[in-house]
PDB file of N, CA and C in Angstrom:
ATOM      1  N   UNK A   1     -20.546 -17.787  17.376  1.00  0.00           N
ATOM      2  CA  UNK A   1     -20.508 -16.963  18.360  1.00  0.00           C
ATOM      3  C   UNK A   1     -21.234 -15.681  17.610  1.00  0.00           C
ATOM      4  N   UNK A   2     -21.928 -14.792  18.406  1.00  0.00           N
ATOM      5  CA  UNK A   2     -22.795 -13.827  17.915  1.00  0.00           C
ATOM      6  C   UNK A   2     -21.769 -12.802  17.416  1.00  0.00           C
ATOM      7  N   UNK A   3     -22.318 -11.967  16.117  1.00  0.00           N
ATOM      8  CA  UNK A   3     -21.404 -10.934  15.400  1.00  0.00           C
ATOM      9  C   UNK A   3     -20.860  -9.887  16.238  1.00  0.00           C
ATOM     10  N   UNK A   4     -21.666  -9.380  17.432  1.00  0.00           N
ATOM     11  CA  UNK A   4     -21.049  -8.065  18.305  1.00  0.00           C
ATOM     12  C   UNK A   4     -20.170  -8.911  19.137  1.00  0.00           C
ATOM     13  N   UNK A   5     -20.124 -10.230  19.793  1.00  0.00           N
ATOM     14  CA  UNK A   5     -19.369 -10.444  20.566  1.00  0.00           C
ATOM     15  C   UNK A   5     -18.134 -10.563  19.830  1.00  0.00           C
ATOM     16  N   UNK A   6     -17.910 -11.112  18.416  1.00  0.00           N
ATOM     17  CA  UNK A   6     -16.547 -11.436  17.814  1.00  0.00           C
ATOM     18  C   UNK A   6     -16.016 -10.047  17.628  1.00  0.00           C
ATOM     19  N   UNK A   7     -16.585  -9.258  17.331  1.00  0.00           N
ATOM     20  CA  UNK A   7     -16.243  -7.725  16.882  1.00  0.00           C
ATOM     21  C   UNK A   7     -15.841  -6.726  18.100  1.00  0.00           C
ATOM     22  N   UNK A   8     -16.270  -7.379  19.425  1.00  0.00           N
ATOM     23  CA  UNK A   8     -16.145  -6.647  20.519  1.00  0.00           C
ATOM     24  C   UNK A   8     -14.631  -7.434  20.910  1.00  0.00           C
ATOM     25  N   UNK A   9     -14.582  -8.530  20.716  1.00  0.00           N
ATOM     26  CA  UNK A   9     -13.233  -9.293  21.129  1.00  0.00           C
ATOM     27  C   UNK A   9     -12.186  -8.794  20.476  1.00  0.00           C
ATOM     28  N   UNK A  10     -12.288  -8.850  18.949  1.00  0.00           N
ATOM     29  CA  UNK A  10     -11.343  -8.256  18.298  1.00  0.00           C
ATOM     30  C   UNK A  10     -10.908  -6.808  18.413  1.00  0.00           C
ATOM     31  N   UNK A  11     -11.661  -5.912  18.681  1.00  0.00           N
ATOM     32  CA  UNK A  11     -11.568  -4.558  19.071  1.00  0.00           C
ATOM     33  C   UNK A  11     -10.886  -4.367  20.405  1.00  0.00           C
ATOM     34  N   UNK A  12     -11.091  -5.131  21.364  1.00  0.00           N
ATOM     35  CA  UNK A  12     -10.351  -5.121  22.485  1.00  0.00           C
ATOM     36  C   UNK A  12      -8.821  -5.606  22.497  1.00  0.00           C
ATOM     37  N   UNK A  13      -8.857  -6.508  21.419  1.00  0.00           N
ATOM     38  CA  UNK A  13      -7.463  -7.169  21.538  1.00  0.00           C
ATOM     39  C   UNK A  13      -6.911  -6.127  20.376  1.00  0.00           C
ATOM     40  N   UNK A  14      -7.123  -5.199  19.764  1.00  0.00           N
ATOM     41  CA  UNK A  14      -6.688  -4.381  18.835  1.00  0.00           C
ATOM     42  C   UNK A  14      -6.078  -3.277  19.767  1.00  0.00           C
ATOM     43  N   UNK A  15      -7.094  -2.689  20.707  1.00  0.00           N
ATOM     44  CA  UNK A  15      -6.889  -1.855  21.429  1.00  0.00           C
ATOM     45  C   UNK A  15      -5.953  -1.504  22.466  1.00  0.00           C
ATOM     46  N   UNK A  16      -5.465  -2.872  22.884  1.00  0.00           N
ATOM     47  CA  UNK A  16      -4.650  -3.295  23.960  1.00  0.00           C
ATOM     48  C   UNK A  16      -3.225  -3.562  23.323  1.00  0.00           C
ATOM     49  N   UNK A  17      -3.006  -3.520  21.685  1.00  0.00           N
ATOM     50  CA  UNK A  17      -1.875  -3.780  21.159  1.00  0.00           C
ATOM     51  C   UNK A  17      -1.537  -5.360  21.099  1.00  0.00           C
ATOM     52  N   UNK A  18      -2.246  -6.049  21.410  1.00  0.00           N
ATOM     53  CA  UNK A  18      -2.299  -7.692  21.344  1.00  0.00           C
ATOM     54  C   UNK A  18      -2.379  -8.245  19.931  1.00  0.00           C
ATOM     55  N   UNK A  19      -3.231  -7.336  19.202  1.00  0.00           N
ATOM     56  CA  UNK A  19      -3.026  -8.047  17.625  1.00  0.00           C
ATOM     57  C   UNK A  19      -3.508  -6.965  16.698  1.00  0.00           C
ATOM     58  N   UNK A  20      -3.018  -7.393  15.575  1.00  0.00           N
ATOM     59  CA  UNK A  20      -3.481  -6.175  14.070  1.00  0.00           C
ATOM     60  C   UNK A  20      -4.495  -7.041  13.438  1.00  0.00           C
ATOM     61  N   UNK A  21      -5.406  -6.264  12.808  1.00  0.00           N
ATOM     62  CA  UNK A  21      -6.296  -6.756  11.890  1.00  0.00           C
ATOM     63  C   UNK A  21      -5.810  -7.286  10.562  1.00  0.00           C
ATOM     64  N   UNK A  22      -5.806  -8.334   9.841  1.00  0.00           N
ATOM     65  CA  UNK A  22      -5.554  -8.639   8.895  1.00  0.00           C
ATOM     66  C   UNK A  22      -6.699  -8.631   7.700  1.00  0.00           C
ATOM     67  N   UNK A  23      -7.647  -8.995   8.024  1.00  0.00           N
ATOM     68  CA  UNK A  23      -9.070  -9.220   6.899  1.00  0.00           C
ATOM     69  C   UNK A  23      -9.926  -9.097   7.649  1.00  0.00           C
ATOM     70  N   UNK A  24     -11.071  -8.386   7.115  1.00  0.00           N
ATOM     71  CA  UNK A  24     -12.561  -8.842   7.609  1.00  0.00           C
ATOM     72  C   UNK A  24     -13.616  -8.906   6.390  1.00  0.00           C
ATOM     73  N   UNK A  25     -14.065 -10.192   6.488  1.00  0.00           N
ATOM     74  CA  UNK A  25     -15.052 -10.487   5.658  1.00  0.00           C
ATOM     75  C   UNK A  25     -16.680 -10.733   6.034  1.00  0.00           C
ATOM     76  N   UNK A  26     -17.801 -10.081   5.110  1.00  0.00           N
ATOM     77  CA  UNK A  26     -19.079 -10.327   5.752  1.00  0.00           C
ATOM     78  C   UNK A  26     -19.622 -11.224   4.816  1.00  0.00           C
ATOM     79  N   UNK A  27     -20.639 -11.853   4.863  1.00  0.00           N
ATOM     80  CA  UNK A  27     -21.289 -12.382   4.034  1.00  0.00           C
ATOM     81  C   UNK A  27     -22.846 -12.864   4.937  1.00  0.00           C
ATOM     82  N   UNK A  28     -23.609 -13.838   3.951  1.00  0.00           N
ATOM     83  CA  UNK A  28     -24.639 -14.252   4.468  1.00  0.00           C
ATOM     84  C   UNK A  28     -24.872 -15.836   3.926  1.00  0.00           C
ATOM     85  N   UNK A  29     -25.405 -16.674   4.789  1.00  0.00           N
ATOM     86  CA  UNK A  29     -25.186 -18.105   4.921  1.00  0.00           C
ATOM     87  C   UNK A  29     -26.628 -18.536   4.757  1.00  0.00           C
ATOM     88  N   UNK A  30     -27.284 -19.305   4.094  1.00  0.00           N
ATOM     89  CA  UNK A  30     -28.609 -19.983   4.055  1.00  0.00           C
ATOM     90  C   UNK A  30     -28.725 -21.204   5.069  1.00  0.00           C
ATOM     91  N   UNK A  31     -29.955 -20.994   6.134  1.00  0.00           N
ATOM     92  CA  UNK A  31     -29.745 -22.042   7.149  1.00  0.00           C
ATOM     93  C   UNK A  31     -31.296 -22.394   6.954  1.00  0.00           C
ATOM     94  N   UNK A  32     -31.469 -23.712   7.155  1.00  0.00           N
ATOM     95  CA  UNK A  32     -32.759 -24.216   7.338  1.00  0.00           C
ATOM     96  C   UNK A  32     -33.440 -23.883   8.837  1.00  0.00           C
ATOM     97  N   UNK A  33     -34.589 -23.195   8.800  1.00  0.00           N
ATOM     98  CA  UNK A  33     -35.624 -23.016   9.713  1.00  0.00           C
ATOM     99  C   UNK A  33     -35.935 -24.158  10.359  1.00  0.00           C
ATOM    100  N   UNK A  34     -35.596 -24.831  11.581  1.00  0.00           N
ATOM    101  CA  UNK A  34     -35.795 -26.069  11.922  1.00  0.00           C
ATOM    102  C   UNK A  34     -37.152 -26.461  12.439  1.00  0.00           C
ATOM    103  N   UNK A  35     -38.195 -25.203  12.807  1.00  0.00           N
ATOM    104  CA  UNK A  35     -39.554 -25.315  13.067  1.00  0.00           C
ATOM    105  C   UNK A  35     -40.411 -24.932  11.761  1.00  0.00           C
ATOM    106  N   UNK A  36     -40.278 -24.141  11.061  1.00  0.00           N
ATOM    107  CA  UNK A  36     -40.885 -24.213   9.878  1.00  0.00           C
ATOM    108  C   UNK A  36     -40.390 -24.777   8.574  1.00  0.00           C
ATOM    109  N   UNK A  37     -38.978 -25.152   8.504  1.00  0.00           N
ATOM    110  CA  UNK A  37     -38.580 -26.072   7.547  1.00  0.00           C
ATOM    111  C   UNK A  37     -38.494 -25.096   6.111  1.00  0.00           C
ATOM    112  N   UNK A  38     -37.938 -24.060   6.431  1.00  0.00           N
ATOM    113  CA  UNK A  38     -37.722 -22.857   5.170  1.00  0.00           C
ATOM    114  C   UNK A  38     -36.390 -22.431   5.232  1.00  0.00           C
ATOM    115  N   UNK A  39     -35.899 -21.855   4.239  1.00  0.00           N
ATOM    116  CA  UNK A  39     -34.595 -21.380   4.411  1.00  0.00           C
ATOM    117  C   UNK A  39     -34.526 -19.755   4.716  1.00  0.00           C
ATOM    118  N   UNK A  40     -33.671 -19.690   5.536  1.00  0.00           N
ATOM    119  CA  UNK A  40     -33.425 -18.086   5.991  1.00  0.00           C
ATOM    120  C   UNK A  40     -32.321 -17.721   6.140  1.00  0.00           C
ATOM    121  N   UNK A  41     -31.646 -16.446   5.603  1.00  0.00           N
ATOM    122  CA  UNK A  41     -30.708 -15.871   5.723  1.00  0.00           C
ATOM    123  C   UNK A  41     -30.185 -15.484   7.066  1.00  0.00           C
ATOM    124  N   UNK A  42     -28.899 -15.748   7.173  1.00  0.00           N
ATOM    125  CA  UNK A  42     -28.096 -15.307   8.433  1.00  0.00           C
ATOM    126  C   UNK A  42     -26.819 -14.348   8.002  1.00  0.00           C
ATOM    127  N   UNK A  43     -26.389 -13.641   8.849  1.00  0.00           N
ATOM    128  CA  UNK A  43     -25.061 -12.634   8.709  1.00  0.00           C
ATOM    129  C   UNK A  43     -24.124 -13.730   9.371  1.00  0.00           C
ATOM    130  N   UNK A  44     -22.816 -13.572   8.582  1.00  0.00           N
ATOM    131  CA  UNK A  44     -21.604 -14.181   8.787  1.00  0.00           C
ATOM    132  C   UNK A  44     -20.348 -13.249   8.714  1.00  0.00           C
ATOM    133  N   UNK A  45     -19.592 -12.976   9.862  1.00  0.00           N
ATOM    134  CA  UNK A  45     -18.667 -12.227   9.690  1.00  0.00           C
ATOM    135  C   UNK A  45     -17.441 -12.934   9.974  1.00  0.00           C
ATOM    136  N   UNK A  46     -16.415 -12.544   9.363  1.00  0.00           N
ATOM    137  CA  UNK A  46     -14.878 -13.560   9.533  1.00  0.00           C
ATOM    138  C   UNK A  46     -13.855 -12.390   9.690  1.00  0.00           C
ATOM    139  N   UNK A  47     -13.070 -12.393  10.918  1.00  0.00           N
ATOM    140  CA  UNK A  47     -12.017 -11.251  11.420  1.00  0.00           C
ATOM    141  C   UNK A  47     -10.867 -12.116  11.634  1.00  0.00           C
ATOM    142  N   UNK A  48      -9.986 -11.891  10.509  1.00  0.00           N
ATOM    143  CA  UNK A  48      -8.589 -12.541  10.894  1.00  0.00           C
ATOM    144  C   UNK A  48      -7.600 -11.723  11.601  1.00  0.00           C
ATOM    145  N   UNK A  49      -7.234 -12.191  12.749  1.00  0.00           N
ATOM    146  CA  UNK A  49      -5.895 -11.291  13.374  1.00  0.00           C
ATOM    147  C   UNK A  49      -4.809 -11.722  13.372  1.00  0.00           C
ATOM    148  N   UNK A  50      -3.693 -11.195  13.662  1.00  0.00           N
ATOM    149  CA  UNK A  50      -2.325 -11.515  13.789  1.00  0.00           C
ATOM    150  C   UNK A  50      -1.887 -10.904  15.184  1.00  0.00           C
ATOM    151  N   UNK A  51      -1.094 -12.250  15.820  1.00  0.00           N
ATOM    152  CA  UNK A  51      -0.624 -11.865  17.012  1.00  0.00           C
ATOM    153  C   UNK A  51       0.382 -10.786  16.763  1.00  0.00           C
ATOM    154  N   UNK A  52       0.558  -9.801  17.867  1.00  0.00           N
ATOM    155  CA  UNK A  52       1.657  -8.983  18.024  1.00  0.00           C
ATOM    156  C   UNK A  52       2.864  -9.386  18.887  1.00  0.00           C
ATOM    157  N   UNK A  53       3.863  -8.356  18.648  1.00  0.00           N
ATOM    158  CA  UNK A  53       5.004  -8.713  19.775  1.00  0.00           C
ATOM    159  C   UNK A  53       4.842  -9.031  21.115  1.00  0.00           C
ATOM    160  N   UNK A  54       3.956  -7.955  21.453  1.00  0.00           N
ATOM    161  CA  UNK A  54       3.320  -7.934  22.642  1.00  0.00           C
ATOM    162  C   UNK A  54       2.775  -8.839  23.382  1.00  0.00           C
ATOM    163  N   UNK A  55       1.740  -9.189  22.376  1.00  0.00           N
ATOM    164  CA  UNK A  55       1.055 -10.512  22.950  1.00  0.00           C
ATOM    165  C   UNK A  55       1.952 -11.971  23.065  1.00  0.00           C
ATOM    166  N   UNK A  56       3.133 -11.919  22.182  1.00  0.00           N
ATOM    167  CA  UNK A  56       4.001 -13.139  22.129  1.00  0.00           C
ATOM    168  C   UNK A  56       4.575 -13.096  23.661  1.00  0.00           C
ATOM    169  N   UNK A  57       5.105 -11.874  23.698  1.00  0.00           N
ATOM    170  CA  UNK A  57       6.062 -11.814  25.123  1.00  0.00           C
ATOM    171  C   UNK A  57       5.076 -11.815  26.102  1.00  0.00           C
ATOM    172  N   UNK A  58       3.723 -11.589  26.365  1.00  0.00           N
ATOM    173  CA  UNK A  58       2.942 -11.869  27.264  1.00  0.00           C
ATOM    174  C   UNK A  58       2.668 -13.396  27.503  1.00  0.00           C
ATOM    175  N   UNK A  59       2.609 -14.225  26.438  1.00  0.00           N
ATOM    176  CA  UNK A  59       2.407 -15.474  26.835  1.00  0.00           C
ATOM    177  C   UNK A  59       3.569 -16.573  26.748  1.00  0.00           C
ATOM    178  N   UNK A  60       4.588 -16.041  26.587  1.00  0.00           N
ATOM    179  CA  UNK A  60       5.845 -16.713  26.670  1.00  0.00           C
ATOM    180  C   UNK A  60       6.356 -16.991  27.981  1.00  0.00           C
ATOM    181  N   UNK A  61       6.238 -18.366  28.613  1.00  0.00           N
ATOM    182  CA  UNK A  61       6.532 -18.652  30.138  1.00  0.00           C
ATOM    183  C   UNK A  61       7.883 -17.728  30.249  1.00  0.00           C
ATOM    184  N   UNK A  62       7.960 -17.296  31.842  1.00  0.00           N
ATOM    185  CA  UNK A  62       9.344 -16.339  31.880  1.00  0.00           C
ATOM    186  C   UNK A  62      10.448 -17.380  32.253  1.00  0.00           C
ATOM    187  N   UNK A  63      10.374 -18.561  32.470  1.00  0.00           N
ATOM    188  CA  UNK A  63      11.611 -19.390  32.200  1.00  0.00           C
ATOM    189  C   UNK A  63      12.360 -19.426  30.850  1.00  0.00           C
ATOM    190  N   UNK A  64      11.192 -19.447  29.583  1.00  0.00           N
ATOM    191  CA  UNK A  64      11.737 -19.156  28.227  1.00  0.00           C
ATOM    192  C   UNK A  64      12.260 -18.028  28.107  1.00  0.00           C
ATOM    193  N   UNK A  65      11.732 -17.069  28.492  1.00  0.00           N
ATOM    194  CA  UNK A  65      12.410 -15.462  28.258  1.00  0.00           C
ATOM    195  C   UNK A  65      13.701 -15.894  29.091  1.00  0.00           C
ATOM    196  N   UNK A  66      13.705 -16.354  30.018  1.00  0.00           N
ATOM    197  CA  UNK A  66      15.012 -15.856  30.759  1.00  0.00           C
ATOM    198  C   UNK A  66      16.072 -16.995  30.073  1.00  0.00           C
ATOM    199  N   UNK A  67      16.048 -17.791  29.782  1.00  0.00           N
ATOM    200  CA  UNK A  67      16.921 -18.595  28.549  1.00  0.00           C
ATOM    201  C   UNK A  67      17.268 -17.832  27.385  1.00  0.00           C
ATOM    202  N   UNK A  68      16.032 -17.234  26.765  1.00  0.00           N
ATOM    203  CA  UNK A  68      16.310 -16.391  25.813  1.00  0.00           C
ATOM    204  C   UNK A  68      17.511 -15.116  25.943  1.00  0.00           C
ATOM    205  N   UNK A  69      17.441 -14.481  27.191  1.00  0.00           N
ATOM    206  CA  UNK A  69      18.093 -13.527  27.512  1.00  0.00           C
ATOM    207  C   UNK A  69      19.564 -13.992  27.800  1.00  0.00           C
ATOM    208  N   UNK A  70      19.656 -15.213  28.289  1.00  0.00           N
ATOM    209  CA  UNK A  70      20.962 -16.005  28.629  1.00  0.00           C
ATOM    210  C   UNK A  70      21.606 -16.051  27.378  1.00  0.00           C
ATOM    211  N   UNK A  71      20.888 -16.812  26.449  1.00  0.00           N
ATOM    212  CA  UNK A  71      21.592 -16.903  25.045  1.00  0.00           C
ATOM    213  C   UNK A  71      22.125 -15.687  24.439  1.00  0.00           C
ATOM    214  N   UNK A  72      21.249 -14.677  24.239  1.00  0.00           N
ATOM    215  CA  UNK A  72      21.669 -13.534  23.519  1.00  0.00           C
ATOM    216  C   UNK A  72      22.908 -13.160  24.540  1.00  0.00           C
ATOM    217  N   UNK A  73      22.889 -13.022  25.807  1.00  0.00           N
ATOM    218  CA  UNK A  73      24.071 -12.424  26.676  1.00  0.00           C
ATOM    219  C   UNK A  73      25.501 -13.320  26.365  1.00  0.00           C
ATOM    220  N   UNK A  74      25.218 -14.716  26.226  1.00  0.00           N
ATOM    221  CA  UNK A  74      26.404 -14.914  25.984  1.00  0.00           C
ATOM    222  C   UNK A  74      26.865 -14.950  24.345  1.00  0.00           C
ATOM    223  N   UNK A  75      26.242 -14.555  23.368  1.00  0.00           N
ATOM    224  CA  UNK A  75      26.689 -14.601  22.179  1.00  0.00           C
ATOM    225  C   UNK A  75      27.356 -12.884  22.279  1.00  0.00           C
ATOM    226  N   UNK A  76      26.896 -12.202  22.913  1.00  0.00           N
ATOM    227  CA  UNK A  76      27.231 -10.954  22.993  1.00  0.00           C
ATOM    228  C   UNK A  76      28.722 -10.694  23.448  1.00  0.00           C
ATOM    229  N   UNK A  77      28.786 -11.375  24.383  1.00  0.00           N
ATOM    230  CA  UNK A  77      30.180 -12.046  25.240  1.00  0.00           C
ATOM    231  C   UNK A  77      31.282 -12.474  24.254  1.00  0.00           C
ATOM    232  N   UNK A  78      31.051 -13.318  23.304  1.00  0.00           N
ATOM    233  CA  UNK A  78      31.677 -14.112  22.649  1.00  0.00           C
ATOM    234  C   UNK A  78      32.507 -12.894  21.248  1.00  0.00           C
ATOM    235  N   UNK A  79      31.309 -12.245  21.053  1.00  0.00           N
ATOM    236  CA  UNK A  79      32.000 -10.828  20.120  1.00  0.00           C
ATOM    237  C   UNK A  79      32.790 -10.037  20.684  1.00  0.00           C
TER     238      UNK A  79
END
Protein backbone atom coordinates (compact mmCIF):
# COMPACT_ATOMS: atom_id res chain seq x y z
CA UNK A 1 0.00 0.00 0.00
CA UNK A 2 1.27 3.50 -0.72
CA UNK A 3 2.54 5.52 2.24
CA UNK A 4 0.02 8.32 1.71
CA UNK A 5 -2.86 5.84 1.75
CA UNK A 6 -1.64 4.19 4.96
CA UNK A 7 -1.23 7.56 6.69
CA UNK A 8 -4.65 8.74 5.49
CA UNK A 9 -6.44 5.62 6.74
CA UNK A 10 -4.68 5.85 10.12
CA UNK A 11 -5.60 9.54 10.48
CA UNK A 12 -9.25 8.88 9.60
CA UNK A 13 -9.49 6.11 12.20
CA UNK A 14 -7.82 8.29 14.85
CA UNK A 15 -9.93 11.38 14.09
CA UNK A 16 -13.15 9.35 14.32
CA UNK A 17 -12.10 7.92 17.69
CA UNK A 18 -11.91 4.36 16.38
CA UNK A 19 -8.18 3.81 16.98
CA UNK A 20 -5.25 5.14 18.97
CA UNK A 21 -1.70 5.28 17.68
CA UNK A 22 0.75 2.94 19.37
CA UNK A 23 3.87 3.17 17.20
CA UNK A 24 5.14 4.68 13.94
CA UNK A 25 8.30 3.37 12.31
CA UNK A 26 9.86 4.59 9.07
CA UNK A 27 12.72 2.99 7.20
CA UNK A 28 14.08 2.26 3.76
CA UNK A 29 14.34 -1.11 2.09
CA UNK A 30 16.44 -2.19 -0.84
CA UNK A 31 14.58 -3.61 -3.83
CA UNK A 32 15.97 -4.89 -7.09
CA UNK A 33 14.80 -2.92 -10.13
CA UNK A 34 13.37 -5.55 -12.51
CA UNK A 35 14.16 -3.63 -15.68
CA UNK A 36 17.73 -2.55 -14.94
CA UNK A 37 18.71 -5.14 -12.35
CA UNK A 38 20.12 -2.59 -9.91
CA UNK A 39 19.29 -2.08 -6.25
CA UNK A 40 17.01 0.85 -5.44
CA UNK A 41 15.95 2.26 -2.06
CA UNK A 42 12.24 2.49 -1.24
CA UNK A 43 10.56 4.19 1.71
CA UNK A 44 8.65 2.03 4.18
CA UNK A 45 6.26 2.98 7.00
CA UNK A 46 4.69 0.89 9.73
CA UNK A 47 1.84 2.36 11.78
CA UNK A 48 0.55 0.29 14.68
CA UNK A 49 -2.94 1.19 15.91
CA UNK A 50 -5.05 -0.16 18.75
CA UNK A 51 -8.83 -0.47 18.68
CA UNK A 52 -10.81 1.81 20.95
CA UNK A 53 -13.94 0.94 22.89
CA UNK A 54 -15.96 2.90 20.32
CA UNK A 55 -14.67 0.61 17.55
CA UNK A 56 -15.43 -2.53 19.55
CA UNK A 57 -18.98 -1.39 20.30
CA UNK A 58 -19.57 -0.57 16.62
CA UNK A 59 -18.34 -3.95 15.40
CA UNK A 60 -20.08 -6.08 18.03
CA UNK A 61 -23.32 -7.55 16.64
CA UNK A 62 -26.51 -6.15 18.25
CA UNK A 63 -27.52 -9.61 19.51
CA UNK A 64 -24.25 -9.95 21.43
CA UNK A 65 -24.73 -6.48 22.96
CA UNK A 66 -28.27 -7.43 24.05
CA UNK A 67 -26.98 -10.60 25.72
CA UNK A 68 -24.32 -8.60 27.56
CA UNK A 69 -26.91 -6.12 28.84
CA UNK A 70 -29.15 -8.99 29.98
CA UNK A 71 -26.29 -10.61 31.87
CA UNK A 72 -25.39 -7.34 33.58
CA UNK A 73 -29.03 -6.72 34.48
CA UNK A 74 -29.41 -10.18 36.03
CA UNK A 75 -26.27 -9.70 38.12
CA UNK A 76 -27.51 -6.33 39.40
CA UNK A 77 -30.86 -7.85 40.41
CA UNK A 78 -29.09 -10.59 42.41
CA UNK A 79 -27.22 -8.01 44.47
